[in-house]
């Protein structure tokens, strides 16, 4: 028998007898995790995303999380299996439950809007890859920037992004 003491709101102490023969018991909490059920189309989409390499790596990880969550009930087990945190698993499980596959895509981020249009990026890449400057073997970032009327840094950022 163990005597448990409870402090009440008024400051008084109340005792109660509790018998569990000195053993520690753990209560199993009921899980609040959403059960993941996939349609055939969603499963095909997630399998496709999960196989992506390179720039789709974050989406591939998110897809793998959901594919594992459908088989395994706990976030902790999925996190251990994938080598990530339980918070990450929980975030993507909740997003998928709320928005399905759309929830796994990147959300618009805050910050300043893009200052370089898609047409300008296309022009930089087209000139770089398909045109040769007069009296030179290839474009320098300064020369291309002056021809297109943008900054040298903008040209360098575009080249770096597209690995040119």
C-alpha atoms as a PDB file:
ATOM      1  CA  UNK A   1       0.000   0.000   0.000  1.00  0.00           C
ATOM      2  CA  UNK A   2       1.181   3.451  -0.877  1.00  0.00           C
ATOM      3  CA  UNK A   3      -0.143   6.608   0.562  1.00  0.00           C
ATOM      4  CA  UNK A   4      -0.592   9.360  -1.989  1.00  0.00           C
ATOM      5  CA  UNK A   5      -0.915  12.947  -0.901  1.00  0.00           C
ATOM      6  CA  UNK A   6      -2.818  15.519  -2.898  1.00  0.00           C
ATOM      7  CA  UNK A   7      -2.593  19.234  -2.346  1.00  0.00           C
ATOM      8  CA  UNK A   8      -5.982  20.856  -2.791  1.00  0.00           C
ATOM      9  CA  UNK A   9      -6.621  24.356  -4.079  1.00  0.00           C
ATOM     10  CA  UNK A  10      -7.239  25.718  -0.553  1.00  0.00           C
ATOM     11  CA  UNK A  11      -3.809  24.548   0.576  1.00  0.00           C
ATOM     12  CA  UNK A  12      -5.001  21.564   2.596  1.00  0.00           C
ATOM     13  CA  UNK A  13      -3.494  18.125   2.029  1.00  0.00           C
ATOM     14  CA  UNK A  14      -5.625  15.081   1.398  1.00  0.00           C
ATOM     15  CA  UNK A  15      -4.398  11.504   1.653  1.00  0.00           C
ATOM     16  CA  UNK A  16      -5.568   8.473  -0.245  1.00  0.00           C
ATOM     17  CA  UNK A  17      -4.481   4.871  -0.134  1.00  0.00           C
ATOM     18  CA  UNK A  18      -3.289   3.296  -3.361  1.00  0.00           C
ATOM     19  CA  UNK A  19      -2.266  -0.311  -3.825  1.00  0.00           C
ATOM     20  CA  UNK A  20      -0.206  -1.484  -6.762  1.00  0.00           C
ATOM     21  CA  UNK A  21       2.337  -3.543  -4.807  1.00  0.00           C
ATOM     22  CA  UNK A  22       5.168  -1.101  -5.483  1.00  0.00           C
ATOM     23  CA  UNK A  23       4.971  -1.522  -9.268  1.00  0.00           C
ATOM     24  CA  UNK A  24       5.065   1.340 -11.656  1.00  0.00           C
ATOM     25  CA  UNK A  25       2.227   1.270 -14.104  1.00  0.00           C
ATOM     26  CA  UNK A  26       1.952   3.225 -17.306  1.00  0.00           C
ATOM     27  CA  UNK A  27      -1.361   4.320 -18.609  1.00  0.00           C
ATOM     28  CA  UNK A  28      -1.750   3.875 -22.326  1.00  0.00           C
ATOM     29  CA  UNK A  29      -3.031   7.135 -23.715  1.00  0.00           C
ATOM     30  CA  UNK A  30      -5.449   6.951 -26.580  1.00  0.00           C
ATOM     31  CA  UNK A  31      -3.861   8.256 -29.740  1.00  0.00           C
ATOM     32  CA  UNK A  32      -5.109  11.452 -31.320  1.00  0.00           C
ATOM     33  CA  UNK A  33      -3.168  10.789 -34.510  1.00  0.00           C
ATOM     34  CA  UNK A  34      -5.134  10.846 -37.717  1.00  0.00           C
ATOM     35  CA  UNK A  35      -5.334   7.543 -39.530  1.00  0.00           C
ATOM     36  CA  UNK A  36      -3.898   7.928 -43.015  1.00  0.00           C
ATOM     37  CA  UNK A  37      -5.972   6.347 -45.763  1.00  0.00           C
ATOM     38  CA  UNK A  38      -4.895   6.885 -49.361  1.00  0.00           C
ATOM     39  CA  UNK A  39      -6.837   6.715 -52.596  1.00  0.00           C
ATOM     40  CA  UNK A  40      -5.181   4.923 -55.508  1.00  0.00           C
ATOM     41  CA  UNK A  41      -4.349   8.243 -57.181  1.00  0.00           C
ATOM     42  CA  UNK A  42      -2.812   9.650 -53.992  1.00  0.00           C
ATOM     43  CA  UNK A  43      -0.745   6.530 -53.476  1.00  0.00           C
ATOM     44  CA  UNK A  44       0.575   6.670 -57.068  1.00  0.00           C
ATOM     45  CA  UNK A  45       1.404  10.368 -56.655  1.00  0.00           C
ATOM     46  CA  UNK A  46       3.196   9.832 -53.329  1.00  0.00           C
ATOM     47  CA  UNK A  47       5.169   6.866 -54.673  1.00  0.00           C
ATOM     48  CA  UNK A  48       6.230   8.970 -57.658  1.00  0.00           C
ATOM     49  CA  UNK A  49       7.313  11.856 -55.423  1.00  0.00           C
ATOM     50  CA  UNK A  50       9.112   9.530 -53.000  1.00  0.00           C
ATOM     51  CA  UNK A  51      11.394   8.287 -55.799  1.00  0.00           C
ATOM     52  CA  UNK A  52      12.491  11.788 -56.860  1.00  0.00           C
ATOM     53  CA  UNK A  53      16.107  12.772 -56.440  1.00  0.00           C
ATOM     54  CA  UNK A  54      17.763  16.172 -56.553  1.00  0.00           C
ATOM     55  CA  UNK A  55      15.665  19.304 -56.225  1.00  0.00           C
ATOM     56  CA  UNK A  56      12.525  17.345 -55.263  1.00  0.00           C
ATOM     57  CA  UNK A  57      14.237  15.971 -52.144  1.00  0.00           C
ATOM     58  CA  UNK A  58      12.048  17.797 -49.653  1.00  0.00           C
ATOM     59  CA  UNK A  59       8.867  16.701 -51.403  1.00  0.00           C
ATOM     60  CA  UNK A  60      10.247  13.153 -51.598  1.00  0.00           C
ATOM     61  CA  UNK A  61      10.835  13.123 -47.838  1.00  0.00           C
ATOM     62  CA  UNK A  62       7.320  14.419 -47.180  1.00  0.00           C
ATOM     63  CA  UNK A  63       5.871  11.704 -49.422  1.00  0.00           C
ATOM     64  CA  UNK A  64       7.914   9.028 -47.624  1.00  0.00           C
ATOM     65  CA  UNK A  65       6.650  10.307 -44.281  1.00  0.00           C
ATOM     66  CA  UNK A  66       3.020   9.918 -45.373  1.00  0.00           C
ATOM     67  CA  UNK A  67       3.643   6.502 -46.941  1.00  0.00           C
ATOM     68  CA  UNK A  68       5.169   5.305 -43.657  1.00  0.00           C
ATOM     69  CA  UNK A  69       2.405   6.926 -41.574  1.00  0.00           C
ATOM     70  CA  UNK A  70      -0.206   4.887 -43.391  1.00  0.00           C
ATOM     71  CA  UNK A  71       1.470   1.661 -42.195  1.00  0.00           C
ATOM     72  CA  UNK A  72       2.826   2.742 -38.800  1.00  0.00           C
ATOM     73  CA  UNK A  73       0.639   4.361 -36.168  1.00  0.00           C
ATOM     74  CA  UNK A  74       3.163   6.359 -34.135  1.00  0.00           C
ATOM     75  CA  UNK A  75       5.092   9.458 -35.181  1.00  0.00           C
ATOM     76  CA  UNK A  76       8.045   8.267 -33.098  1.00  0.00           C
ATOM     77  CA  UNK A  77       8.381   5.008 -35.066  1.00  0.00           C
ATOM     78  CA  UNK A  78       8.201   6.832 -38.408  1.00  0.00           C
ATOM     79  CA  UNK A  79      10.745   9.416 -37.217  1.00  0.00           C
ATOM     80  CA  UNK A  80      13.165   6.688 -36.119  1.00  0.00           C
ATOM     81  CA  UNK A  81      12.767   4.824 -39.405  1.00  0.00           C
ATOM     82  CA  UNK A  82      13.445   7.946 -41.513  1.00  0.00           C
ATOM     83  CA  UNK A  83      16.020   9.573 -39.220  1.00  0.00           C
ATOM     84  CA  UNK A  84      14.024  12.768 -38.621  1.00  0.00           C
ATOM     85  CA  UNK A  85      12.277  14.374 -35.636  1.00  0.00           C
ATOM     86  CA  UNK A  86       8.819  13.473 -34.384  1.00  0.00           C
ATOM     87  CA  UNK A  87       7.811  17.127 -34.819  1.00  0.00           C
ATOM     88  CA  UNK A  88       8.555  16.877 -38.543  1.00  0.00           C
ATOM     89  CA  UNK A  89       6.459  13.741 -38.882  1.00  0.00           C
ATOM     90  CA  UNK A  90       3.612  15.357 -36.939  1.00  0.00           C
ATOM     91  CA  UNK A  91       3.683  18.496 -39.067  1.00  0.00           C
ATOM     92  CA  UNK A  92       3.390  16.646 -42.365  1.00  0.00           C
ATOM     93  CA  UNK A  93       0.827  14.164 -41.026  1.00  0.00           C
ATOM     94  CA  UNK A  94      -1.389  17.097 -39.954  1.00  0.00           C
ATOM     95  CA  UNK A  95      -0.878  18.972 -43.230  1.00  0.00           C
ATOM     96  CA  UNK A  96      -1.701  15.865 -45.250  1.00  0.00           C
ATOM     97  CA  UNK A  97      -4.815  15.143 -43.169  1.00  0.00           C
ATOM     98  CA  UNK A  98      -6.054  18.694 -43.692  1.00  0.00           C
ATOM     99  CA  UNK A  99      -5.107  19.315 -47.340  1.00  0.00           C
ATOM    100  CA  UNK A 100      -4.202  15.888 -48.781  1.00  0.00           C
ATOM    101  CA  UNK A 101      -1.366  15.957 -51.390  1.00  0.00           C
ATOM    102  CA  UNK A 102      -1.714  19.738 -51.875  1.00  0.00           C
ATOM    103  CA  UNK A 103      -0.588  20.141 -48.254  1.00  0.00           C
ATOM    104  CA  UNK A 104       2.779  18.534 -49.033  1.00  0.00           C
ATOM    105  CA  UNK A 105       3.710  21.189 -51.589  1.00  0.00           C
ATOM    106  CA  UNK A 106       5.682  24.266 -50.598  1.00  0.00           C
ATOM    107  CA  UNK A 107       3.585  27.166 -49.376  1.00  0.00           C
ATOM    108  CA  UNK A 108       4.248  30.702 -50.641  1.00  0.00           C
ATOM    109  CA  UNK A 109       6.863  32.310 -48.460  1.00  0.00           C
ATOM    110  CA  UNK A 110       6.851  35.759 -47.018  1.00  0.00           C
ATOM    111  CA  UNK A 111       9.311  38.365 -48.164  1.00  0.00           C
ATOM    112  CA  UNK A 112       9.842  40.645 -51.103  1.00  0.00           C
ATOM    113  CA  UNK A 113       8.362  39.567 -54.436  1.00  0.00           C
ATOM    114  CA  UNK A 114      10.718  38.410 -57.149  1.00  0.00           C
ATOM    115  CA  UNK A 115      12.364  41.287 -58.972  1.00  0.00           C
ATOM    116  CA  UNK A 116      13.479  39.229 -61.987  1.00  0.00           C
ATOM    117  CA  UNK A 117      10.714  37.977 -64.252  1.00  0.00           C
ATOM    118  CA  UNK A 118      10.583  34.551 -65.859  1.00  0.00           C
ATOM    119  CA  UNK A 119      11.073  36.182 -69.273  1.00  0.00           C
ATOM    120  CA  UNK A 120      14.291  37.829 -68.109  1.00  0.00           C
ATOM    121  CA  UNK A 121      15.589  34.549 -66.677  1.00  0.00           C
ATOM    122  CA  UNK A 122      14.751  32.896 -69.995  1.00  0.00           C
ATOM    123  CA  UNK A 123      16.584  35.654 -71.900  1.00  0.00           C
ATOM    124  CA  UNK A 124      19.718  35.248 -69.755  1.00  0.00           C
ATOM    125  CA  UNK A 125      19.729  31.475 -70.276  1.00  0.00           C
ATOM    126  CA  UNK A 126      19.002  31.727 -74.012  1.00  0.00           C
ATOM    127  CA  UNK A 127      21.807  34.231 -74.609  1.00  0.00           C
ATOM    128  CA  UNK A 128      24.210  32.256 -72.425  1.00  0.00           C
ATOM    129  CA  UNK A 129      23.534  28.882 -73.990  1.00  0.00           C
ATOM    130  CA  UNK A 130      22.623  29.688 -77.613  1.00  0.00           C
ATOM    131  CA  UNK A 131      24.362  32.924 -78.597  1.00  0.00           C
ATOM    132  CA  UNK A 132      28.002  33.842 -78.722  1.00  0.00           C
ATOM    133  CA  UNK A 133      29.000  37.440 -77.967  1.00  0.00           C
ATOM    134  CA  UNK A 134      30.792  39.382 -80.655  1.00  0.00           C
ATOM    135  CA  UNK A 135      34.605  39.248 -80.327  1.00  0.00           C
ATOM    136  CA  UNK A 136      34.570  36.723 -77.429  1.00  0.00           C
ATOM    137  CA  UNK A 137      34.291  32.965 -76.971  1.00  0.00           C
ATOM    138  CA  UNK A 138      31.623  33.188 -74.229  1.00  0.00           C
ATOM    139  CA  UNK A 139      29.617  35.649 -72.216  1.00  0.00           C
ATOM    140  CA  UNK A 140      31.049  37.280 -69.149  1.00  0.00           C
ATOM    141  CA  UNK A 141      28.580  38.149 -66.421  1.00  0.00           C
ATOM    142  CA  UNK A 142      29.374  41.872 -66.779  1.00  0.00           C
ATOM    143  CA  UNK A 143      28.905  41.956 -70.545  1.00  0.00           C
ATOM    144  CA  UNK A 144      25.649  39.960 -70.442  1.00  0.00           C
ATOM    145  CA  UNK A 145      24.317  42.171 -67.638  1.00  0.00           C
ATOM    146  CA  UNK A 146      25.030  45.349 -69.594  1.00  0.00           C
ATOM    147  CA  UNK A 147      23.429  43.959 -72.775  1.00  0.00           C
ATOM    148  CA  UNK A 148      20.238  42.908 -70.945  1.00  0.00           C
ATOM    149  CA  UNK A 149      20.128  45.931 -68.635  1.00  0.00           C
ATOM    150  CA  UNK A 150      20.295  44.025 -65.350  1.00  0.00           C
ATOM    151  CA  UNK A 151      22.888  43.763 -62.615  1.00  0.00           C
ATOM    152  CA  UNK A 152      25.877  41.453 -62.762  1.00  0.00           C
ATOM    153  CA  UNK A 153      24.717  39.864 -59.481  1.00  0.00           C
ATOM    154  CA  UNK A 154      21.375  38.992 -61.101  1.00  0.00           C
ATOM    155  CA  UNK A 155      23.174  37.226 -63.959  1.00  0.00           C
ATOM    156  CA  UNK A 156      25.384  35.337 -61.495  1.00  0.00           C
ATOM    157  CA  UNK A 157      22.373  34.296 -59.380  1.00  0.00           C
ATOM    158  CA  UNK A 158      20.582  32.952 -62.466  1.00  0.00           C
ATOM    159  CA  UNK A 159      23.678  31.071 -63.617  1.00  0.00           C
ATOM    160  CA  UNK A 160      24.179  29.606 -60.155  1.00  0.00           C
ATOM    161  CA  UNK A 161      20.530  28.563 -59.877  1.00  0.00           C
ATOM    162  CA  UNK A 162      20.591  26.767 -63.226  1.00  0.00           C
ATOM    163  CA  UNK A 163      24.186  25.533 -62.790  1.00  0.00           C
ATOM    164  CA  UNK A 164      25.393  27.216 -65.979  1.00  0.00           C
END
